[in-house]
Amino acid sequence: MKDYKKEGKIKGSLKIEGNLILTGDLEVEQEIEVAGYIDCKGYWIEAGYWIEAGYSIKAGDWIEAGYWIEAGYSIKAGYSIKAGDWIKAGGSIEAGYSIKAGESIKAGGSIEAGYSIETGYWIKAGHSIEAGHSIESGGWIEAGGSILSQLWIKCKTTLSAGIYIYAGIKTWGERAEEEMLIECGKLSSGEIEFGNLVETGIEKPEEMIELDGKKYSKSTLKEALKAYV
């Protein structure tokens, strides 16, 4: 594939039938779509909408998109990876500091961050999940291998690991009890090798009622009917 070199600010979209190689920081107003790989050469890359690459995305600093970031193989940043919606890679996802997505993070291989991993809904890795600080999810966490966090692991629903789970492997000072916390709705699989498990239970989804082909929760209907009762 042909290499294309870019830098600076670009209005609209950037679509390349080849590889994208940065010669400076790059900011694109809308989406970035690259058939091959993206090599930021130590610079950062940002898109207002999404970033997609057929192969890998590699940045020396950070990668950020308003919507999503997706790569056929790996995504790697020296500092952070951040997306408003989701981050997805066929291989591994790795950041020197943090990985954060508004909805989900999914990797066919491993997910690794030097500091934190955080998402609004769920985190899934084909292999291991590892963080130098904490791992938090508003929904569930699943790893085909082990899950290791230097401090706490928290998720609202299920926590699953193919092998072991470690939390609170702190090496830079004394451990506090809360730093060893493994908090989840339910532990579905995996053996706790280090850390204190607290299962909070999983709330049943609110019952929905269908009217004219649309579904509404009971609480929504009750609130709407208050004006007529």
C-alpha atoms as a PDB file:
ATOM      1  CA  MET A   1       0.000   0.000   0.000  1.00  0.00           C
ATOM      2  CA  LYS A   2       1.079   3.563  -0.675  1.00  0.00           C
ATOM      3  CA  ASP A   3       2.125   5.803   2.225  1.00  0.00           C
ATOM      4  CA  TYR A   4       0.481   9.203   2.695  1.00  0.00           C
ATOM      5  CA  LYS A   5       1.999  11.823   4.979  1.00  0.00           C
ATOM      6  CA  LYS A   6      -0.235  14.275   6.826  1.00  0.00           C
ATOM      7  CA  GLU A   7      -0.184  16.822   9.669  1.00  0.00           C
ATOM      8  CA  GLY A   8      -2.006  19.910  10.919  1.00  0.00           C
ATOM      9  CA  LYS A   9      -5.764  20.616  10.881  1.00  0.00           C
ATOM     10  CA  ILE A  10      -8.012  19.175   8.173  1.00  0.00           C
ATOM     11  CA  LYS A  11     -11.595  20.296   7.515  1.00  0.00           C
ATOM     12  CA  GLY A  12     -14.189  17.625   6.767  1.00  0.00           C
ATOM     13  CA  SER A  13     -13.089  13.976   6.427  1.00  0.00           C
ATOM     14  CA  LEU A  14      -9.796  12.221   5.748  1.00  0.00           C
ATOM     15  CA  LYS A  15     -10.042   8.967   3.749  1.00  0.00           C
ATOM     16  CA  ILE A  16      -6.917   7.169   2.556  1.00  0.00           C
ATOM     17  CA  GLU A  17      -6.578   4.020   0.421  1.00  0.00           C
ATOM     18  CA  GLY A  18      -3.172   3.233   1.864  1.00  0.00           C
ATOM     19  CA  ASN A  19      -1.172   3.940   5.022  1.00  0.00           C
ATOM     20  CA  LEU A  20      -1.269   7.191   6.990  1.00  0.00           C
ATOM     21  CA  ILE A  21       2.034   8.452   8.406  1.00  0.00           C
ATOM     22  CA  LEU A  22       2.073  11.616  10.476  1.00  0.00           C
ATOM     23  CA  THR A  23       4.774  14.262  10.104  1.00  0.00           C
ATOM     24  CA  GLY A  24       3.223  16.302  12.930  1.00  0.00           C
ATOM     25  CA  ASP A  25       0.129  16.383  15.145  1.00  0.00           C
ATOM     26  CA  LEU A  26      -3.082  15.753  13.195  1.00  0.00           C
ATOM     27  CA  GLU A  27      -6.597  17.013  13.920  1.00  0.00           C
ATOM     28  CA  VAL A  28      -9.460  16.125  11.553  1.00  0.00           C
ATOM     29  CA  GLU A  29     -12.856  17.807  11.834  1.00  0.00           C
ATOM     30  CA  GLN A  30     -14.896  14.696  11.010  1.00  0.00           C
ATOM     31  CA  GLU A  31     -13.800  11.054  10.459  1.00  0.00           C
ATOM     32  CA  ILE A  32     -10.494   9.396   9.595  1.00  0.00           C
ATOM     33  CA  GLU A  33     -10.679   6.194   7.526  1.00  0.00           C
ATOM     34  CA  VAL A  34      -7.470   4.432   6.470  1.00  0.00           C
ATOM     35  CA  ALA A  35      -7.312   1.173   4.518  1.00  0.00           C
ATOM     36  CA  GLY A  36      -3.883   0.247   5.903  1.00  0.00           C
ATOM     37  CA  TYR A  37      -2.173   1.311   9.134  1.00  0.00           C
ATOM     38  CA  ILE A  38      -1.791   4.627  10.942  1.00  0.00           C
ATOM     39  CA  ASP A  39       1.669   5.454  12.282  1.00  0.00           C
ATOM     40  CA  CYS A  40       1.719   8.711  14.233  1.00  0.00           C
ATOM     41  CA  LYS A  41       5.515   8.717  14.550  1.00  0.00           C
ATOM     42  CA  GLY A  42       5.400  10.084  18.099  1.00  0.00           C
ATOM     43  CA  TYR A  43       2.650  12.645  17.422  1.00  0.00           C
ATOM     44  CA  TRP A  44      -1.020  12.676  18.474  1.00  0.00           C
ATOM     45  CA  ILE A  45      -4.104  12.123  16.340  1.00  0.00           C
ATOM     46  CA  GLU A  46      -7.660  13.350  16.893  1.00  0.00           C
ATOM     47  CA  ALA A  47     -10.949  13.129  14.985  1.00  0.00           C
ATOM     48  CA  GLY A  48     -14.257  14.823  15.720  1.00  0.00           C
ATOM     49  CA  TYR A  49     -16.178  11.712  14.620  1.00  0.00           C
ATOM     50  CA  TRP A  50     -14.310   8.390  14.366  1.00  0.00           C
ATOM     51  CA  ILE A  51     -10.949   6.812  13.493  1.00  0.00           C
ATOM     52  CA  GLU A  52     -10.778   3.529  11.572  1.00  0.00           C
ATOM     53  CA  ALA A  53      -7.772   1.615  10.253  1.00  0.00           C
ATOM     54  CA  GLY A  54      -7.665  -1.676   8.382  1.00  0.00           C
ATOM     55  CA  TYR A  55      -4.567  -2.709  10.298  1.00  0.00           C
ATOM     56  CA  SER A  56      -3.004  -0.941  13.314  1.00  0.00           C
ATOM     57  CA  ILE A  57      -3.038   2.494  14.924  1.00  0.00           C
ATOM     58  CA  LYS A  58       0.067   3.619  16.784  1.00  0.00           C
ATOM     59  CA  ALA A  59       0.658   6.980  18.451  1.00  0.00           C
ATOM     60  CA  GLY A  60       3.515   8.247  20.574  1.00  0.00           C
ATOM     61  CA  ASP A  61       1.197  10.466  22.587  1.00  0.00           C
ATOM     62  CA  TRP A  62      -2.608  10.131  22.458  1.00  0.00           C
ATOM     63  CA  ILE A  63      -5.448   8.976  20.217  1.00  0.00           C
ATOM     64  CA  GLU A  64      -8.876  10.568  20.572  1.00  0.00           C
ATOM     65  CA  ALA A  65     -12.199  10.440  18.712  1.00  0.00           C
ATOM     66  CA  GLY A  66     -15.598  11.931  19.418  1.00  0.00           C
ATOM     67  CA  TYR A  67     -17.371   8.690  18.511  1.00  0.00           C
ATOM     68  CA  TRP A  68     -15.277   5.524  18.084  1.00  0.00           C
ATOM     69  CA  ILE A  69     -11.800   4.156  17.363  1.00  0.00           C
ATOM     70  CA  GLU A  70     -11.401   0.864  15.496  1.00  0.00           C
ATOM     71  CA  ALA A  71      -8.471  -1.090  14.094  1.00  0.00           C
ATOM     72  CA  GLY A  72      -8.275  -4.450  12.359  1.00  0.00           C
ATOM     73  CA  TYR A  73      -5.235  -5.313  14.437  1.00  0.00           C
ATOM     74  CA  SER A  74      -3.800  -3.290  17.361  1.00  0.00           C
ATOM     75  CA  ILE A  75      -4.256   0.157  18.894  1.00  0.00           C
ATOM     76  CA  LYS A  76      -1.333   1.574  20.854  1.00  0.00           C
ATOM     77  CA  ALA A  77      -0.675   5.005  22.374  1.00  0.00           C
ATOM     78  CA  GLY A  78       2.209   6.263  24.469  1.00  0.00           C
ATOM     79  CA  TYR A  79      -0.185   8.181  26.700  1.00  0.00           C
ATOM     80  CA  SER A  80      -3.978   7.776  26.298  1.00  0.00           C
ATOM     81  CA  ILE A  81      -6.730   6.344  24.097  1.00  0.00           C
ATOM     82  CA  LYS A  82     -10.139   7.981  24.408  1.00  0.00           C
ATOM     83  CA  ALA A  83     -13.442   7.648  22.515  1.00  0.00           C
ATOM     84  CA  GLY A  84     -16.918   9.006  23.177  1.00  0.00           C
ATOM     85  CA  ASP A  85     -18.555   5.719  22.191  1.00  0.00           C
ATOM     86  CA  TRP A  86     -16.342   2.641  21.805  1.00  0.00           C
ATOM     87  CA  ILE A  87     -12.803   1.383  21.207  1.00  0.00           C
ATOM     88  CA  LYS A  88     -12.336  -1.860  19.281  1.00  0.00           C
ATOM     89  CA  ALA A  89      -9.301  -3.785  18.028  1.00  0.00           C
ATOM     90  CA  GLY A  90      -8.875  -7.190  16.451  1.00  0.00           C
ATOM     91  CA  GLY A  91      -5.611  -7.541  18.377  1.00  0.00           C
ATOM     92  CA  SER A  92      -4.474  -5.692  21.489  1.00  0.00           C
ATOM     93  CA  ILE A  93      -5.235  -2.257  22.946  1.00  0.00           C
ATOM     94  CA  GLU A  94      -2.444  -0.605  24.906  1.00  0.00           C
ATOM     95  CA  ALA A  95      -1.846   2.825  26.431  1.00  0.00           C
ATOM     96  CA  GLY A  96       0.978   4.141  28.578  1.00  0.00           C
ATOM     97  CA  TYR A  97      -1.518   5.947  30.806  1.00  0.00           C
ATOM     98  CA  SER A  98      -5.294   5.535  30.342  1.00  0.00           C
ATOM     99  CA  ILE A  99      -7.923   3.891  28.132  1.00  0.00           C
ATOM    100  CA  LYS A 100     -11.401   5.386  28.348  1.00  0.00           C
ATOM    101  CA  ALA A 101     -14.606   4.903  26.349  1.00  0.00           C
ATOM    102  CA  GLY A 102     -18.123   6.188  26.908  1.00  0.00           C
ATOM    103  CA  GLU A 103     -19.637   2.812  26.019  1.00  0.00           C
ATOM    104  CA  SER A 104     -17.322  -0.170  25.484  1.00  0.00           C
ATOM    105  CA  ILE A 105     -13.773  -1.429  25.024  1.00  0.00           C
ATOM    106  CA  LYS A 106     -13.191  -4.657  23.104  1.00  0.00           C
ATOM    107  CA  ALA A 107      -9.954  -6.371  22.091  1.00  0.00           C
ATOM    108  CA  GLY A 108      -9.360  -9.710  20.429  1.00  0.00           C
ATOM    109  CA  GLY A 109      -6.095  -9.862  22.373  1.00  0.00           C
ATOM    110  CA  SER A 110      -5.176  -8.075  25.595  1.00  0.00           C
ATOM    111  CA  ILE A 111      -6.072  -4.673  27.061  1.00  0.00           C
ATOM    112  CA  GLU A 112      -3.343  -2.897  29.014  1.00  0.00           C
ATOM    113  CA  ALA A 113      -3.009   0.565  30.536  1.00  0.00           C
ATOM    114  CA  GLY A 114      -0.241   2.026  32.657  1.00  0.00           C
ATOM    115  CA  TYR A 115      -2.823   3.781  34.819  1.00  0.00           C
ATOM    116  CA  SER A 116      -6.599   3.282  34.402  1.00  0.00           C
ATOM    117  CA  ILE A 117      -9.151   1.500  32.204  1.00  0.00           C
ATOM    118  CA  GLU A 118     -12.656   2.938  32.319  1.00  0.00           C
ATOM    119  CA  THR A 119     -15.868   2.503  30.340  1.00  0.00           C
ATOM    120  CA  GLY A 120     -19.543   3.303  30.696  1.00  0.00           C
ATOM    121  CA  TYR A 121     -20.925  -0.134  29.749  1.00  0.00           C
ATOM    122  CA  TRP A 122     -18.518  -3.040  29.249  1.00  0.00           C
ATOM    123  CA  ILE A 123     -14.931  -4.242  28.776  1.00  0.00           C
ATOM    124  CA  LYS A 124     -14.032  -7.430  26.929  1.00  0.00           C
ATOM    125  CA  ALA A 125     -10.632  -8.943  26.094  1.00  0.00           C
ATOM    126  CA  GLY A 126      -9.823 -12.206  24.373  1.00  0.00           C
ATOM    127  CA  HIS A 127      -6.739 -12.523  26.557  1.00  0.00           C
ATOM    128  CA  SER A 128      -5.826 -10.510  29.672  1.00  0.00           C
ATOM    129  CA  ILE A 129      -6.821  -7.122  31.113  1.00  0.00           C
ATOM    130  CA  GLU A 130      -4.189  -5.217  33.095  1.00  0.00           C
ATOM    131  CA  ALA A 131      -4.027  -1.743  34.666  1.00  0.00           C
ATOM    132  CA  GLY A 132      -1.348   0.032  36.684  1.00  0.00           C
ATOM    133  CA  HIS A 133      -4.036   1.764  38.758  1.00  0.00           C
ATOM    134  CA  SER A 134      -7.740   0.815  38.492  1.00  0.00           C
ATOM    135  CA  ILE A 135     -10.317  -0.887  36.254  1.00  0.00           C
ATOM    136  CA  GLU A 136     -13.924   0.351  36.270  1.00  0.00           C
ATOM    137  CA  SER A 137     -16.993  -0.414  34.162  1.00  0.00           C
ATOM    138  CA  GLY A 138     -20.588   0.746  34.360  1.00  0.00           C
ATOM    139  CA  GLY A 139     -21.661  -2.711  33.131  1.00  0.00           C
ATOM    140  CA  TRP A 140     -19.601  -5.901  32.904  1.00  0.00           C
ATOM    141  CA  ILE A 141     -15.964  -6.978  32.551  1.00  0.00           C
ATOM    142  CA  GLU A 142     -14.812 -10.138  30.786  1.00  0.00           C
ATOM    143  CA  ALA A 143     -11.338 -11.511  30.036  1.00  0.00           C
ATOM    144  CA  GLY A 144     -10.342 -14.750  28.339  1.00  0.00           C
ATOM    145  CA  GLY A 145      -7.214 -14.813  30.511  1.00  0.00           C
ATOM    146  CA  SER A 146      -6.502 -13.091  33.818  1.00  0.00           C
ATOM    147  CA  ILE A 147      -7.446  -9.644  35.148  1.00  0.00           C
ATOM    148  CA  LEU A 148      -4.858  -7.684  37.128  1.00  0.00           C
ATOM    149  CA  SER A 149      -5.175  -4.229  38.642  1.00  0.00           C
ATOM    150  CA  GLN A 150      -2.661  -2.507  40.908  1.00  0.00           C
ATOM    151  CA  LEU A 151      -5.632  -1.070  42.825  1.00  0.00           C
ATOM    152  CA  TRP A 152      -9.396  -1.792  42.663  1.00  0.00           C
ATOM    153  CA  ILE A 153     -11.636  -3.465  40.127  1.00  0.00           C
ATOM    154  CA  LYS A 154     -15.271  -2.321  39.945  1.00  0.00           C
ATOM    155  CA  CYS A 155     -18.210  -3.188  37.690  1.00  0.00           C
ATOM    156  CA  LYS A 156     -21.982  -2.996  38.081  1.00  0.00           C
ATOM    157  CA  THR A 157     -22.979  -6.415  36.744  1.00  0.00           C
ATOM    158  CA  THR A 158     -20.842  -9.508  36.014  1.00  0.00           C
ATOM    159  CA  LEU A 159     -17.093 -10.010  36.365  1.00  0.00           C
ATOM    160  CA  SER A 160     -15.557 -12.889  34.398  1.00  0.00           C
ATOM    161  CA  ALA A 161     -12.016 -14.146  33.932  1.00  0.00           C
ATOM    162  CA  GLY A 162     -10.698 -17.244  32.212  1.00  0.00           C
ATOM    163  CA  ILE A 163      -8.013 -17.783  34.855  1.00  0.00           C
ATOM    164  CA  TYR A 164      -7.184 -15.479  37.819  1.00  0.00           C
ATOM    165  CA  ILE A 165      -8.219 -12.088  39.194  1.00  0.00           C
ATOM    166  CA  TYR A 166      -5.837  -9.823  41.117  1.00  0.00           C
ATOM    167  CA  ALA A 167      -6.627  -6.446  42.714  1.00  0.00           C
ATOM    168  CA  GLY A 168      -4.531  -4.307  45.053  1.00  0.00           C
ATOM    169  CA  ILE A 169      -1.105  -5.506  43.882  1.00  0.00           C
ATOM    170  CA  LYS A 170       0.229  -2.143  45.042  1.00  0.00           C
ATOM    171  CA  THR A 171       4.031  -1.808  45.087  1.00  0.00           C
ATOM    172  CA  TRP A 172       4.591   1.911  45.830  1.00  0.00           C
ATOM    173  CA  GLY A 173       3.215   2.121  49.392  1.00  0.00           C
ATOM    174  CA  GLU A 174       1.092   0.504  52.068  1.00  0.00           C
ATOM    175  CA  ARG A 175      -2.210  -0.973  50.944  1.00  0.00           C
ATOM    176  CA  ALA A 176      -5.543   0.258  52.240  1.00  0.00           C
ATOM    177  CA  GLU A 177      -8.525  -2.108  52.337  1.00  0.00           C
ATOM    178  CA  GLU A 178     -10.430  -0.116  49.702  1.00  0.00           C
ATOM    179  CA  GLU A 179      -7.470  -0.398  47.324  1.00  0.00           C
ATOM    180  CA  MET A 180      -7.852  -4.207  47.331  1.00  0.00           C
ATOM    181  CA  LEU A 181     -11.551  -4.094  46.465  1.00  0.00           C
ATOM    182  CA  ILE A 182     -13.055  -6.333  43.776  1.00  0.00           C
ATOM    183  CA  GLU A 183     -16.632  -5.073  43.527  1.00  0.00           C
ATOM    184  CA  CYS A 184     -19.153  -6.509  41.087  1.00  0.00           C
ATOM    185  CA  GLY A 185     -22.778  -7.498  40.843  1.00  0.00           C
ATOM    186  CA  LYS A 186     -21.745 -11.134  40.533  1.00  0.00           C
ATOM    187  CA  LEU A 187     -18.515 -13.062  39.971  1.00  0.00           C
ATOM    188  CA  SER A 188     -19.339 -15.299  36.986  1.00  0.00           C
ATOM    189  CA  SER A 189     -15.972 -16.991  36.525  1.00  0.00           C
ATOM    190  CA  GLY A 190     -12.327 -16.746  37.528  1.00  0.00           C
ATOM    191  CA  GLU A 191     -10.418 -17.413  40.740  1.00  0.00           C
ATOM    192  CA  ILE A 192      -9.632 -14.553  43.137  1.00  0.00           C
ATOM    193  CA  GLU A 193      -5.877 -14.787  43.739  1.00  0.00           C
ATOM    194  CA  PHE A 194      -5.489 -11.420  45.471  1.00  0.00           C
ATOM    195  CA  GLY A 195      -8.054  -8.860  46.643  1.00  0.00           C
ATOM    196  CA  ASN A 196     -11.335  -8.694  48.573  1.00  0.00           C
ATOM    197  CA  LEU A 197     -14.463  -9.705  46.684  1.00  0.00           C
ATOM    198  CA  VAL A 198     -17.745  -7.873  47.328  1.00  0.00           C
ATOM    199  CA  GLU A 199     -20.785  -8.973  45.294  1.00  0.00           C
ATOM    200  CA  THR A 200     -23.509  -6.313  45.278  1.00  0.00           C
ATOM    201  CA  GLY A 201     -26.136  -8.254  43.335  1.00  0.00           C
ATOM    202  CA  ILE A 202     -27.623  -7.518  39.931  1.00  0.00           C
ATOM    203  CA  GLU A 203     -30.806  -5.509  39.672  1.00  0.00           C
ATOM    204  CA  LYS A 204     -33.521  -6.984  37.492  1.00  0.00           C
ATOM    205  CA  PRO A 205     -34.289  -4.825  34.450  1.00  0.00           C
ATOM    206  CA  GLU A 206     -37.411  -2.717  34.793  1.00  0.00           C
ATOM    207  CA  GLU A 207     -40.535  -4.246  33.263  1.00  0.00           C
ATOM    208  CA  MET A 208     -41.432  -2.764  29.884  1.00  0.00           C
ATOM    209  CA  ILE A 209     -44.920  -2.202  28.464  1.00  0.00           C
ATOM    210  CA  GLU A 210     -45.592  -2.064  24.719  1.00  0.00           C
ATOM    211  CA  LEU A 211     -47.988   0.546  23.318  1.00  0.00           C
ATOM    212  CA  ASP A 212     -48.531   1.068  19.591  1.00  0.00           C
ATOM    213  CA  GLY A 213     -45.383  -0.819  18.743  1.00  0.00           C
ATOM    214  CA  LYS A 214     -43.163   1.127  21.180  1.00  0.00           C
ATOM    215  CA  LYS A 215     -41.881  -0.018  24.572  1.00  0.00           C
ATOM    216  CA  TYR A 216     -42.003   2.100  27.716  1.00  0.00           C
ATOM    217  CA  SER A 217     -40.850   1.408  31.261  1.00  0.00           C
ATOM    218  CA  LYS A 218     -43.446   1.331  34.040  1.00  0.00           C
ATOM    219  CA  SER A 219     -41.784   4.279  35.791  1.00  0.00           C
ATOM    220  CA  THR A 220     -41.944   6.386  32.604  1.00  0.00           C
ATOM    221  CA  LEU A 221     -45.671   5.684  32.185  1.00  0.00           C
ATOM    222  CA  LYS A 222     -46.392   6.421  35.842  1.00  0.00           C
ATOM    223  CA  GLU A 223     -44.619   9.765  35.578  1.00  0.00           C
ATOM    224  CA  ALA A 224     -46.522  10.658  32.386  1.00  0.00           C
ATOM    225  CA  LEU A 225     -49.900   9.783  33.977  1.00  0.00           C
ATOM    226  CA  LYS A 226     -49.392  11.977  37.051  1.00  0.00           C
ATOM    227  CA  ALA A 227     -50.815  14.977  35.223  1.00  0.00           C
ATOM    228  CA  TYR A 228     -54.070  13.111  34.549  1.00  0.00           C
ATOM    229  CA  VAL A 229     -54.614  11.484  37.945  1.00  0.00           C
END
